């Protein structure tokens, strides 16, 4: 896990590799409940792209995340997976294998379902 500021609750990175190169995205959960992502590296070189808002946690979801900091990485992984960023070892991806493609969720997951 990369270093994070005091205003970030969690952070993960996802990587995609193709014949053209390797792309790395950073995903963060801010203390105010915003979930953001950006393209952070291309072929290992740092990029300075804008952060894009993916989801805003409500007060109840933020409280649940604050009670167990391990949930932050799980939430980020599920949101990343929902948007096509497949993370190796992600429990959500492992559970979903074998389900038909139409069974994918299209909305942000509930925080309580991360345990």
PDB file of N, CA and C in Angstrom:
ATOM      1  N   UNK A   1       0.842  -1.171   0.000  1.00  0.00           N
ATOM      2  CA  UNK A   1       0.000   0.000   0.000  1.00  0.00           C
ATOM      3  C   UNK A   1       0.889   1.237   0.000  1.00  0.00           C
ATOM      4  N   UNK A   2       0.562   2.164  -0.859  1.00  0.00           N
ATOM      5  CA  UNK A   2       1.321   3.396  -0.951  1.00  0.00           C
ATOM      6  C   UNK A   2       1.031   4.276   0.259  1.00  0.00           C
ATOM      7  N   UNK A   3       1.900   5.240   0.492  1.00  0.00           N
ATOM      8  CA  UNK A   3       1.662   6.127   1.623  1.00  0.00           C
ATOM      9  C   UNK A   3       0.401   6.938   1.381  1.00  0.00           C
ATOM     10  N   UNK A   4      -0.237   7.348   2.479  1.00  0.00           N
ATOM     11  CA  UNK A   4      -1.465   8.116   2.349  1.00  0.00           C
ATOM     12  C   UNK A   4      -1.447   9.269   3.331  1.00  0.00           C
ATOM     13  N   UNK A   5      -2.173  10.312   2.998  1.00  0.00           N
ATOM     14  CA  UNK A   5      -2.221  11.464   3.885  1.00  0.00           C
ATOM     15  C   UNK A   5      -3.220  11.209   5.001  1.00  0.00           C
ATOM     16  N   UNK A   6      -3.225  12.093   5.985  1.00  0.00           N
ATOM     17  CA  UNK A   6      -4.135  11.945   7.118  1.00  0.00           C
ATOM     18  C   UNK A   6      -5.589  12.091   6.675  1.00  0.00           C
ATOM     19  N   UNK A   7      -5.827  12.676   5.537  1.00  0.00           N
ATOM     20  CA  UNK A   7      -7.198  12.866   5.056  1.00  0.00           C
ATOM     21  C   UNK A   7      -7.672  11.716   4.170  1.00  0.00           C
ATOM     22  N   UNK A   8      -6.873  10.686   4.029  1.00  0.00           N
ATOM     23  CA  UNK A   8      -7.268   9.509   3.250  1.00  0.00           C
ATOM     24  C   UNK A   8      -7.458   8.327   4.182  1.00  0.00           C
ATOM     25  N   UNK A   9      -8.578   7.643   4.030  1.00  0.00           N
ATOM     26  CA  UNK A   9      -8.872   6.480   4.862  1.00  0.00           C
ATOM     27  C   UNK A   9      -8.271   5.225   4.244  1.00  0.00           C
ATOM     28  N   UNK A  10      -8.292   5.133   2.931  1.00  0.00           N
ATOM     29  CA  UNK A  10      -7.762   3.954   2.251  1.00  0.00           C
ATOM     30  C   UNK A  10      -7.292   4.286   0.854  1.00  0.00           C
ATOM     31  N   UNK A  11      -6.414   3.433   0.332  1.00  0.00           N
ATOM     32  CA  UNK A  11      -5.888   3.616  -1.013  1.00  0.00           C
ATOM     33  C   UNK A  11      -5.497   2.262  -1.586  1.00  0.00           C
ATOM     34  N   UNK A  12      -5.815   2.037  -2.862  1.00  0.00           N
ATOM     35  CA  UNK A  12      -5.361   0.853  -3.581  1.00  0.00           C
ATOM     36  C   UNK A  12      -4.903   1.275  -4.967  1.00  0.00           C
ATOM     37  N   UNK A  13      -4.219   0.375  -5.659  1.00  0.00           N
ATOM     38  CA  UNK A  13      -3.826   0.618  -7.039  1.00  0.00           C
ATOM     39  C   UNK A  13      -4.221  -0.577  -7.881  1.00  0.00           C
ATOM     40  N   UNK A  14      -4.655  -0.295  -9.106  1.00  0.00           N
ATOM     41  CA  UNK A  14      -4.946  -1.367 -10.054  1.00  0.00           C
ATOM     42  C   UNK A  14      -4.079  -1.145 -11.280  1.00  0.00           C
ATOM     43  N   UNK A  15      -3.682  -2.247 -11.924  1.00  0.00           N
ATOM     44  CA  UNK A  15      -2.779  -2.180 -13.066  1.00  0.00           C
ATOM     45  C   UNK A  15      -3.348  -2.965 -14.241  1.00  0.00           C
ATOM     46  N   UNK A  16      -3.190  -2.422 -15.422  1.00  0.00           N
ATOM     47  CA  UNK A  16      -3.583  -3.106 -16.644  1.00  0.00           C
ATOM     48  C   UNK A  16      -2.371  -3.130 -17.569  1.00  0.00           C
ATOM     49  N   UNK A  17      -2.054  -4.308 -18.092  1.00  0.00           N
ATOM     50  CA  UNK A  17      -0.908  -4.450 -18.988  1.00  0.00           C
ATOM     51  C   UNK A  17      -1.381  -4.978 -20.334  1.00  0.00           C
ATOM     52  N   UNK A  18      -0.896  -4.355 -21.411  1.00  0.00           N
ATOM     53  CA  UNK A  18      -1.192  -4.812 -22.764  1.00  0.00           C
ATOM     54  C   UNK A  18       0.084  -4.701 -23.591  1.00  0.00           C
ATOM     55  N   UNK A  19      -0.023  -5.013 -24.872  1.00  0.00           N
ATOM     56  CA  UNK A  19       1.131  -4.898 -25.767  1.00  0.00           C
ATOM     57  C   UNK A  19       1.603  -3.448 -25.877  1.00  0.00           C
ATOM     58  N   UNK A  20       0.700  -2.504 -25.668  1.00  0.00           N
ATOM     59  CA  UNK A  20       1.034  -1.093 -25.811  1.00  0.00           C
ATOM     60  C   UNK A  20       1.694  -0.496 -24.569  1.00  0.00           C
ATOM     61  N   UNK A  21       1.482  -1.108 -23.418  1.00  0.00           N
ATOM     62  CA  UNK A  21       2.099  -0.580 -22.204  1.00  0.00           C
ATOM     63  C   UNK A  21       1.364  -0.994 -20.950  1.00  0.00           C
ATOM     64  N   UNK A  22       1.815  -0.434 -19.832  1.00  0.00           N
ATOM     65  CA  UNK A  22       1.229  -0.740 -18.530  1.00  0.00           C
ATOM     66  C   UNK A  22       0.615   0.536 -17.952  1.00  0.00           C
ATOM     67  N   UNK A  23      -0.669   0.452 -17.572  1.00  0.00           N
ATOM     68  CA  UNK A  23      -1.387   1.573 -16.981  1.00  0.00           C
ATOM     69  C   UNK A  23      -1.693   1.255 -15.527  1.00  0.00           C
ATOM     70  N   UNK A  24      -1.465   2.215 -14.647  1.00  0.00           N
ATOM     71  CA  UNK A  24      -1.736   2.036 -13.223  1.00  0.00           C
ATOM     72  C   UNK A  24      -2.668   3.141 -12.748  1.00  0.00           C
ATOM     73  N   UNK A  25      -3.728   2.745 -12.062  1.00  0.00           N
ATOM     74  CA  UNK A  25      -4.690   3.685 -11.506  1.00  0.00           C
ATOM     75  C   UNK A  25      -4.587   3.693  -9.991  1.00  0.00           C
ATOM     76  N   UNK A  26      -4.747   4.861  -9.390  1.00  0.00           N
ATOM     77  CA  UNK A  26      -4.803   5.007  -7.934  1.00  0.00           C
ATOM     78  C   UNK A  26      -6.256   5.254  -7.545  1.00  0.00           C
ATOM     79  N   UNK A  27      -6.707   4.562  -6.508  1.00  0.00           N
ATOM     80  CA  UNK A  27      -8.064   4.699  -5.966  1.00  0.00           C
ATOM     81  C   UNK A  27      -7.942   5.115  -4.515  1.00  0.00           C
ATOM     82  N   UNK A  28      -8.641   6.169  -4.086  1.00  0.00           N
ATOM     83  CA  UNK A  28      -8.562   6.635  -2.703  1.00  0.00           C
ATOM     84  C   UNK A  28      -9.953   6.864  -2.124  1.00  0.00           C
ATOM     85  N   UNK A  29     -10.048   6.661  -0.820  1.00  0.00           N
ATOM     86  CA  UNK A  29     -11.247   6.981  -0.058  1.00  0.00           C
ATOM     87  C   UNK A  29     -10.858   8.095   0.904  1.00  0.00           C
ATOM     88  N   UNK A  30     -11.430   9.270   0.702  1.00  0.00           N
ATOM     89  CA  UNK A  30     -11.126  10.431   1.527  1.00  0.00           C
ATOM     90  C   UNK A  30     -11.942  10.393   2.811  1.00  0.00           C
ATOM     91  N   UNK A  31     -11.481  11.123   3.813  1.00  0.00           N
ATOM     92  CA  UNK A  31     -12.152  11.155   5.112  1.00  0.00           C
ATOM     93  C   UNK A  31     -13.557  11.735   5.024  1.00  0.00           C
ATOM     94  N   UNK A  32     -13.828  12.572   4.026  1.00  0.00           N
ATOM     95  CA  UNK A  32     -15.164  13.141   3.874  1.00  0.00           C
ATOM     96  C   UNK A  32     -16.118  12.207   3.123  1.00  0.00           C
ATOM     97  N   UNK A  33     -15.646  10.995   2.767  1.00  0.00           N
ATOM     98  CA  UNK A  33     -16.502   9.999   2.132  1.00  0.00           C
ATOM     99  C   UNK A  33     -16.422   9.955   0.620  1.00  0.00           C
ATOM    100  N   UNK A  34     -15.608  10.792   0.013  1.00  0.00           N
ATOM    101  CA  UNK A  34     -15.474  10.754  -1.446  1.00  0.00           C
ATOM    102  C   UNK A  34     -14.571   9.605  -1.872  1.00  0.00           C
ATOM    103  N   UNK A  35     -14.979   8.890  -2.903  1.00  0.00           N
ATOM    104  CA  UNK A  35     -14.154   7.848  -3.512  1.00  0.00           C
ATOM    105  C   UNK A  35     -13.708   8.401  -4.865  1.00  0.00           C
ATOM    106  N   UNK A  36     -12.386   8.479  -5.064  1.00  0.00           N
ATOM    107  CA  UNK A  36     -11.818   9.079  -6.268  1.00  0.00           C
ATOM    108  C   UNK A  36     -10.812   8.123  -6.912  1.00  0.00           C
ATOM    109  N   UNK A  37     -10.623   8.291  -8.224  1.00  0.00           N
ATOM    110  CA  UNK A  37      -9.574   7.526  -8.902  1.00  0.00           C
ATOM    111  C   UNK A  37      -8.947   8.384  -9.991  1.00  0.00           C
ATOM    112  N   UNK A  38      -7.743   7.994 -10.401  1.00  0.00           N
ATOM    113  CA  UNK A  38      -7.076   8.660 -11.521  1.00  0.00           C
ATOM    114  C   UNK A  38      -6.024   7.735 -12.104  1.00  0.00           C
ATOM    115  N   UNK A  39      -5.674   7.975 -13.343  1.00  0.00           N
ATOM    116  CA  UNK A  39      -4.556   7.280 -13.972  1.00  0.00           C
ATOM    117  C   UNK A  39      -3.291   7.871 -13.375  1.00  0.00           C
ATOM    118  N   UNK A  40      -2.500   7.034 -12.688  1.00  0.00           N
ATOM    119  CA  UNK A  40      -1.342   7.562 -11.960  1.00  0.00           C
ATOM    120  C   UNK A  40       0.000   7.282 -12.634  1.00  0.00           C
ATOM    121  N   UNK A  41       0.111   6.187 -13.411  1.00  0.00           N
ATOM    122  CA  UNK A  41       1.373   5.854 -14.061  1.00  0.00           C
ATOM    123  C   UNK A  41       1.110   5.235 -15.432  1.00  0.00           C
ATOM    124  N   UNK A  42       1.964   5.568 -16.381  1.00  0.00           N
ATOM    125  CA  UNK A  42       1.977   4.917 -17.695  1.00  0.00           C
ATOM    126  C   UNK A  42       3.387   4.391 -17.889  1.00  0.00           C
ATOM    127  N   UNK A  43       3.506   3.067 -18.034  1.00  0.00           N
ATOM    128  CA  UNK A  43       4.811   2.409 -18.166  1.00  0.00           C
ATOM    129  C   UNK A  43       5.767   2.818 -17.044  1.00  0.00           C
ATOM    130  N   UNK A  44       5.235   2.938 -15.833  1.00  0.00           N
ATOM    131  CA  UNK A  44       6.054   3.259 -14.678  1.00  0.00           C
ATOM    132  C   UNK A  44       6.364   4.730 -14.484  1.00  0.00           C
ATOM    133  N   UNK A  45       6.026   5.564 -15.456  1.00  0.00           N
ATOM    134  CA  UNK A  45       6.263   7.009 -15.334  1.00  0.00           C
ATOM    135  C   UNK A  45       5.058   7.664 -14.669  1.00  0.00           C
ATOM    136  N   UNK A  46       5.286   8.513 -13.678  1.00  0.00           N
ATOM    137  CA  UNK A  46       4.166   9.175 -13.006  1.00  0.00           C
ATOM    138  C   UNK A  46       3.411  10.118 -13.947  1.00  0.00           C
ATOM    139  N   UNK A  47       2.127  10.145 -13.781  1.00  0.00           N
ATOM    140  CA  UNK A  47       1.253  11.037 -14.541  1.00  0.00           C
ATOM    141  C   UNK A  47       0.541  11.954 -13.564  1.00  0.00           C
ATOM    142  N   UNK A  48       0.175  13.123 -13.995  1.00  0.00           N
ATOM    143  CA  UNK A  48      -0.555  14.065 -13.149  1.00  0.00           C
ATOM    144  C   UNK A  48      -1.926  14.317 -13.766  1.00  0.00           C
ATOM    145  N   UNK A  49      -2.799  13.361 -13.597  1.00  0.00           N
ATOM    146  CA  UNK A  49      -4.151  13.474 -14.115  1.00  0.00           C
ATOM    147  C   UNK A  49      -5.090  13.939 -13.012  1.00  0.00           C
ATOM    148  N   UNK A  50      -6.241  14.442 -13.424  1.00  0.00           N
ATOM    149  CA  UNK A  50      -7.239  14.903 -12.466  1.00  0.00           C
ATOM    150  C   UNK A  50      -7.881  13.722 -11.755  1.00  0.00           C
ATOM    151  N   UNK A  51      -8.239  13.928 -10.482  1.00  0.00           N
ATOM    152  CA  UNK A  51      -8.996  12.923  -9.734  1.00  0.00           C
ATOM    153  C   UNK A  51     -10.436  12.961 -10.224  1.00  0.00           C
ATOM    154  N   UNK A  52     -11.036  11.789 -10.388  1.00  0.00           N
ATOM    155  CA  UNK A  52     -12.429  11.681 -10.820  1.00  0.00           C
ATOM    156  C   UNK A  52     -13.253  11.084  -9.692  1.00  0.00           C
ATOM    157  N   UNK A  53     -14.386  11.725  -9.397  1.00  0.00           N
ATOM    158  CA  UNK A  53     -15.276  11.252  -8.347  1.00  0.00           C
ATOM    159  C   UNK A  53     -16.045  10.036  -8.844  1.00  0.00           C
ATOM    160  N   UNK A  54     -16.021   8.963  -8.042  1.00  0.00           N
ATOM    161  CA  UNK A  54     -16.721   7.735  -8.384  1.00  0.00           C
ATOM    162  C   UNK A  54     -17.977   7.575  -7.539  1.00  0.00           C
ATOM    163  N   UNK A  55     -17.861   7.889  -6.247  1.00  0.00           N
ATOM    164  CA  UNK A  55     -18.956   7.628  -5.318  1.00  0.00           C
ATOM    165  C   UNK A  55     -18.778   8.516  -4.093  1.00  0.00           C
ATOM    166  N   UNK A  56     -19.893   8.864  -3.459  1.00  0.00           N
ATOM    167  CA  UNK A  56     -19.874   9.637  -2.215  1.00  0.00           C
ATOM    168  C   UNK A  56     -20.575   8.821  -1.140  1.00  0.00           C
ATOM    169  N   UNK A  57     -19.842   8.446  -0.081  1.00  0.00           N
ATOM    170  CA  UNK A  57     -20.445   7.695   1.019  1.00  0.00           C
ATOM    171  C   UNK A  57     -21.363   8.607   1.822  1.00  0.00           C
ATOM    172  N   UNK A  58     -22.481   8.055   2.299  1.00  0.00           N
ATOM    173  CA  UNK A  58     -23.326   8.832   3.202  1.00  0.00           C
ATOM    174  C   UNK A  58     -22.767   8.687   4.621  1.00  0.00           C
ATOM    175  N   UNK A  59     -23.382   9.364   5.578  1.00  0.00           N
ATOM    176  CA  UNK A  59     -22.861   9.393   6.948  1.00  0.00           C
ATOM    177  C   UNK A  59     -22.816   7.998   7.569  1.00  0.00           C
ATOM    178  N   UNK A  60     -23.828   7.184   7.337  1.00  0.00           N
ATOM    179  CA  UNK A  60     -23.867   5.833   7.903  1.00  0.00           C
ATOM    180  C   UNK A  60     -22.752   4.971   7.331  1.00  0.00           C
ATOM    181  N   UNK A  61     -22.537   5.054   6.024  1.00  0.00           N
ATOM    182  CA  UNK A  61     -21.467   4.280   5.388  1.00  0.00           C
ATOM    183  C   UNK A  61     -20.100   4.729   5.890  1.00  0.00           C
ATOM    184  N   UNK A  62     -19.909   6.044   6.050  1.00  0.00           N
ATOM    185  CA  UNK A  62     -18.629   6.547   6.575  1.00  0.00           C
ATOM    186  C   UNK A  62     -18.396   6.035   7.986  1.00  0.00           C
ATOM    187  N   UNK A  63     -19.421   6.024   8.828  1.00  0.00           N
ATOM    188  CA  UNK A  63     -19.283   5.532  10.187  1.00  0.00           C
ATOM    189  C   UNK A  63     -18.876   4.062  10.191  1.00  0.00           C
ATOM    190  N   UNK A  64     -19.502   3.244   9.314  1.00  0.00           N
ATOM    191  CA  UNK A  64     -19.160   1.825   9.246  1.00  0.00           C
ATOM    192  C   UNK A  64     -17.713   1.624   8.814  1.00  0.00           C
ATOM    193  N   UNK A  65     -17.250   2.403   7.858  1.00  0.00           N
ATOM    194  CA  UNK A  65     -15.859   2.306   7.390  1.00  0.00           C
ATOM    195  C   UNK A  65     -14.900   2.702   8.511  1.00  0.00           C
ATOM    196  N   UNK A  66     -15.237   3.741   9.265  1.00  0.00           N
ATOM    197  CA  UNK A  66     -14.352   4.203  10.336  1.00  0.00           C
ATOM    198  C   UNK A  66     -14.233   3.178  11.459  1.00  0.00           C
ATOM    199  N   UNK A  67     -15.238   2.327  11.644  1.00  0.00           N
ATOM    200  CA  UNK A  67     -15.192   1.312  12.691  1.00  0.00           C
ATOM    201  C   UNK A  67     -14.223   0.189  12.348  1.00  0.00           C
ATOM    202  N   UNK A  68     -14.015  -0.070  11.069  1.00  0.00           N
ATOM    203  CA  UNK A  68     -13.122  -1.139  10.620  1.00  0.00           C
ATOM    204  C   UNK A  68     -12.381  -0.649   9.388  1.00  0.00           C
ATOM    205  N   UNK A  69     -11.137  -0.223   9.552  1.00  0.00           N
ATOM    206  CA  UNK A  69     -10.385   0.369   8.440  1.00  0.00           C
ATOM    207  C   UNK A  69     -10.121  -0.626   7.312  1.00  0.00           C
ATOM    208  N   UNK A  70     -10.214  -1.926   7.585  1.00  0.00           N
ATOM    209  CA  UNK A  70     -10.036  -2.924   6.535  1.00  0.00           C
ATOM    210  C   UNK A  70     -11.137  -2.878   5.492  1.00  0.00           C
ATOM    211  N   UNK A  71     -12.281  -2.339   5.855  1.00  0.00           N
ATOM    212  CA  UNK A  71     -13.394  -2.226   4.918  1.00  0.00           C
ATOM    213  C   UNK A  71     -13.113  -1.217   3.813  1.00  0.00           C
ATOM    214  N   UNK A  72     -12.264  -0.235   4.082  1.00  0.00           N
ATOM    215  CA  UNK A  72     -11.967   0.792   3.085  1.00  0.00           C
ATOM    216  C   UNK A  72     -11.351   0.164   1.835  1.00  0.00           C
ATOM    217  N   UNK A  73     -10.366  -0.694   2.015  1.00  0.00           N
ATOM    218  CA  UNK A  73      -9.729  -1.350   0.868  1.00  0.00           C
ATOM    219  C   UNK A  73     -10.729  -2.251   0.144  1.00  0.00           C
ATOM    220  N   UNK A  74     -11.597  -2.929   0.893  1.00  0.00           N
ATOM    221  CA  UNK A  74     -12.614  -3.771   0.273  1.00  0.00           C
ATOM    222  C   UNK A  74     -13.593  -2.970  -0.558  1.00  0.00           C
ATOM    223  N   UNK A  75     -14.014  -1.824  -0.040  1.00  0.00           N
ATOM    224  CA  UNK A  75     -14.929  -0.956  -0.782  1.00  0.00           C
ATOM    225  C   UNK A  75     -14.266  -0.442  -2.055  1.00  0.00           C
ATOM    226  N   UNK A  76     -13.019   0.017  -1.937  1.00  0.00           N
ATOM    227  CA  UNK A  76     -12.294   0.508  -3.111  1.00  0.00           C
ATOM    228  C   UNK A  76     -12.130  -0.591  -4.153  1.00  0.00           C
ATOM    229  N   UNK A  77     -11.807  -1.800  -3.702  1.00  0.00           N
ATOM    230  CA  UNK A  77     -11.626  -2.916  -4.628  1.00  0.00           C
ATOM    231  C   UNK A  77     -12.926  -3.234  -5.355  1.00  0.00           C
ATOM    232  N   UNK A  78     -14.041  -3.212  -4.640  1.00  0.00           N
ATOM    233  CA  UNK A  78     -15.327  -3.517  -5.286  1.00  0.00           C
ATOM    234  C   UNK A  78     -15.732  -2.437  -6.272  1.00  0.00           C
ATOM    235  N   UNK A  79     -15.510  -1.170  -5.928  1.00  0.00           N
ATOM    236  CA  UNK A  79     -15.828  -0.086  -6.860  1.00  0.00           C
ATOM    237  C   UNK A  79     -14.932  -0.145  -8.087  1.00  0.00           C
ATOM    238  N   UNK A  80     -13.653  -0.469  -7.884  1.00  0.00           N
ATOM    239  CA  UNK A  80     -12.728  -0.596  -9.017  1.00  0.00           C
ATOM    240  C   UNK A  80     -13.150  -1.752  -9.911  1.00  0.00           C
ATOM    241  N   UNK A  81     -13.498  -2.876  -9.313  1.00  0.00           N
ATOM    242  CA  UNK A  81     -13.917  -4.049 -10.083  1.00  0.00           C
ATOM    243  C   UNK A  81     -15.188  -3.762 -10.861  1.00  0.00           C
ATOM    244  N   UNK A  82     -16.097  -3.001 -10.261  1.00  0.00           N
ATOM    245  CA  UNK A  82     -17.338  -2.631 -10.923  1.00  0.00           C
ATOM    246  C   UNK A  82     -17.096  -1.828 -12.188  1.00  0.00           C
ATOM    247  N   UNK A  83     -16.006  -1.104 -12.218  1.00  0.00           N
ATOM    248  CA  UNK A  83     -15.684  -0.260 -13.369  1.00  0.00           C
ATOM    249  C   UNK A  83     -14.658  -0.896 -14.294  1.00  0.00           C
ATOM    250  N   UNK A  84     -14.464  -2.215 -14.160  1.00  0.00           N
ATOM    251  CA  UNK A  84     -13.613  -2.942 -15.087  1.00  0.00           C
ATOM    252  C   UNK A  84     -12.159  -3.058 -14.692  1.00  0.00           C
ATOM    253  N   UNK A  85     -11.787  -2.598 -13.515  1.00  0.00           N
ATOM    254  CA  UNK A  85     -10.414  -2.703 -13.035  1.00  0.00           C
ATOM    255  C   UNK A  85     -10.318  -3.971 -12.201  1.00  0.00           C
ATOM    256  N   UNK A  86      -9.842  -5.036 -12.790  1.00  0.00           N
ATOM    257  CA  UNK A  86      -9.784  -6.324 -12.105  1.00  0.00           C
ATOM    258  C   UNK A  86      -8.521  -6.422 -11.282  1.00  0.00           C
ATOM    259  N   UNK A  87      -8.704  -6.647  -9.991  1.00  0.00           N
ATOM    260  CA  UNK A  87      -7.586  -6.733  -9.062  1.00  0.00           C
ATOM    261  C   UNK A  87      -7.321  -8.188  -8.721  1.00  0.00           C
ATOM    262  N   UNK A  88      -6.089  -8.645  -8.821  1.00  0.00           N
ATOM    263  CA  UNK A  88      -5.798 -10.034  -8.452  1.00  0.00           C
ATOM    264  C   UNK A  88      -6.027 -10.247  -6.965  1.00  0.00           C
ATOM    265  N   UNK A  89      -6.684 -11.345  -6.625  1.00  0.00           N
ATOM    266  CA  UNK A  89      -6.925 -11.663  -5.222  1.00  0.00           C
ATOM    267  C   UNK A  89      -8.106 -10.946  -4.607  1.00  0.00           C
ATOM    268  N   UNK A  90      -8.857 -10.177  -5.391  1.00  0.00           N
ATOM    269  CA  UNK A  90     -10.026  -9.470  -4.873  1.00  0.00           C
ATOM    270  C   UNK A  90     -11.130 -10.477  -4.565  1.00  0.00           C
ATOM    271  N   UNK A  91     -11.590 -10.566  -3.307  1.00  0.00           N
ATOM    272  CA  UNK A  91     -12.627 -11.532  -2.956  1.00  0.00           C
ATOM    273  C   UNK A  91     -13.916 -11.346  -3.758  1.00  0.00           C
ATOM    274  N   UNK A  92     -14.257 -10.117  -4.096  1.00  0.00           N
ATOM    275  CA  UNK A  92     -15.470  -9.879  -4.886  1.00  0.00           C
ATOM    276  C   UNK A  92     -15.348 -10.520  -6.267  1.00  0.00           C
ATOM    277  N   UNK A  93     -14.166 -10.436  -6.854  1.00  0.00           N
ATOM    278  CA  UNK A  93     -13.937 -11.043  -8.167  1.00  0.00           C
ATOM    279  C   UNK A  93     -13.991 -12.563  -8.072  1.00  0.00           C
ATOM    280  N   UNK A  94     -13.433 -13.122  -7.019  1.00  0.00           N
ATOM    281  CA  UNK A  94     -13.429 -14.574  -6.856  1.00  0.00           C
ATOM    282  C   UNK A  94     -14.846 -15.105  -6.648  1.00  0.00           C
ATOM    283  N   UNK A  95     -15.679 -14.373  -5.886  1.00  0.00           N
ATOM    284  CA  UNK A  95     -17.066 -14.797  -5.660  1.00  0.00           C
ATOM    285  C   UNK A  95     -17.884 -14.734  -6.943  1.00  0.00           C
ATOM    286  N   UNK A  96     -17.584 -13.751  -7.785  1.00  0.00           N
ATOM    287  CA  UNK A  96     -18.370 -13.516  -8.982  1.00  0.00           C
ATOM    288  C   UNK A  96     -18.061 -14.507 -10.107  1.00  0.00           C
ATOM    289  N   UNK A  97     -16.890 -15.131 -10.055  1.00  0.00           N
ATOM    290  CA  UNK A  97     -16.524 -16.075 -11.114  1.00  0.00           C
ATOM    291  C   UNK A  97     -17.568 -17.163 -11.219  1.00  0.00           C
ATOM    292  N   UNK A  98     -17.922 -17.476 -12.422  1.00  0.00           N
ATOM    293  CA  UNK A  98     -18.929 -18.510 -12.633  1.00  0.00           C
ATOM    294  C   UNK A  98     -20.336 -17.951 -12.771  1.00  0.00           C
ATOM    295  N   UNK A  99     -20.538 -16.670 -12.422  1.00  0.00           N
ATOM    296  CA  UNK A  99     -21.847 -16.055 -12.595  1.00  0.00           C
ATOM    297  C   UNK A  99     -21.955 -15.531 -14.019  1.00  0.00           C
ATOM    298  N   UNK A 100     -23.161 -15.483 -14.569  1.00  0.00           N
ATOM    299  CA  UNK A 100     -23.318 -14.915 -15.909  1.00  0.00           C
ATOM    300  C   UNK A 100     -22.972 -13.426 -15.913  1.00  0.00           C
ATOM    301  N   UNK A 101     -22.572 -12.912 -17.068  1.00  0.00           N
ATOM    302  CA  UNK A 101     -22.140 -11.515 -17.175  1.00  0.00           C
ATOM    303  C   UNK A 101     -23.235 -10.546 -16.747  1.00  0.00           C
ATOM    304  N   UNK A 102     -24.495 -10.885 -16.936  1.00  0.00           N
ATOM    305  CA  UNK A 102     -25.600 -10.008 -16.560  1.00  0.00           C
ATOM    306  C   UNK A 102     -25.810  -9.911 -15.066  1.00  0.00           C
ATOM    307  N   UNK A 103     -25.109 -10.723 -14.282  1.00  0.00           N
ATOM    308  CA  UNK A 103     -25.291 -10.724 -12.830  1.00  0.00           C
ATOM    309  C   UNK A 103     -24.458  -9.654 -12.140  1.00  0.00           C
ATOM    310  N   UNK A 104     -23.682  -8.894 -12.880  1.00  0.00           N
ATOM    311  CA  UNK A 104     -22.845  -7.853 -12.284  1.00  0.00           C
ATOM    312  C   UNK A 104     -23.686  -6.728 -11.723  1.00  0.00           C
ATOM    313  N   UNK A 105     -23.236  -6.161 -10.604  1.00  0.00           N
ATOM    314  CA  UNK A 105     -23.926  -5.025  -9.997  1.00  0.00           C
ATOM    315  C   UNK A 105     -23.581  -3.774 -10.784  1.00  0.00           C
ATOM    316  N   UNK A 106     -24.537  -2.870 -10.915  1.00  0.00           N
ATOM    317  CA  UNK A 106     -24.317  -1.620 -11.636  1.00  0.00           C
ATOM    318  C   UNK A 106     -24.308  -0.406 -10.711  1.00  0.00           C
ATOM    319  N   UNK A 107     -24.529  -0.596  -9.424  1.00  0.00           N
ATOM    320  CA  UNK A 107     -24.528   0.503  -8.477  1.00  0.00           C
ATOM    321  C   UNK A 107     -23.443   0.281  -7.441  1.00  0.00           C
ATOM    322  N   UNK A 108     -23.153   1.289  -6.672  1.00  0.00           N
ATOM    323  CA  UNK A 108     -22.130   1.164  -5.632  1.00  0.00           C
ATOM    324  C   UNK A 108     -22.586   0.173  -4.573  1.00  0.00           C
ATOM    325  N   UNK A 109     -21.680  -0.665  -4.088  1.00  0.00           N
ATOM    326  CA  UNK A 109     -22.061  -1.688  -3.113  1.00  0.00           C
ATOM    327  C   UNK A 109     -22.337  -1.086  -1.748  1.00  0.00           C
ATOM    328  N   UNK A 110     -23.167  -1.731  -0.990  1.00  0.00           N
ATOM    329  CA  UNK A 110     -23.415  -1.312   0.384  1.00  0.00           C
ATOM    330  C   UNK A 110     -22.184  -1.648   1.221  1.00  0.00           C
ATOM    331  N   UNK A 111     -21.831  -0.773   2.108  1.00  0.00           N
ATOM    332  CA  UNK A 111     -20.638  -0.961   2.929  1.00  0.00           C
ATOM    333  C   UNK A 111     -20.781  -2.178   3.821  1.00  0.00           C
ATOM    334  N   UNK A 112     -21.961  -2.414   4.364  1.00  0.00           N
ATOM    335  CA  UNK A 112     -22.142  -3.536   5.288  1.00  0.00           C
ATOM    336  C   UNK A 112     -21.958  -4.888   4.630  1.00  0.00           C
ATOM    337  N   UNK A 113     -22.021  -4.931   3.290  1.00  0.00           N
ATOM    338  CA  UNK A 113     -21.845  -6.204   2.603  1.00  0.00           C
ATOM    339  C   UNK A 113     -20.382  -6.556   2.400  1.00  0.00           C
ATOM    340  N   UNK A 114     -19.464  -5.724   2.862  1.00  0.00           N
ATOM    341  CA  UNK A 114     -18.050  -5.966   2.647  1.00  0.00           C
ATOM    342  C   UNK A 114     -17.446  -6.948   3.636  1.00  0.00           C
ATOM    343  N   UNK A 115     -18.153  -7.287   4.695  1.00  0.00           N
ATOM    344  CA  UNK A 115     -17.574  -8.178   5.686  1.00  0.00           C
ATOM    345  C   UNK A 115     -17.726  -9.621   5.305  1.00  0.00           C
TER     346      UNK A 115
END
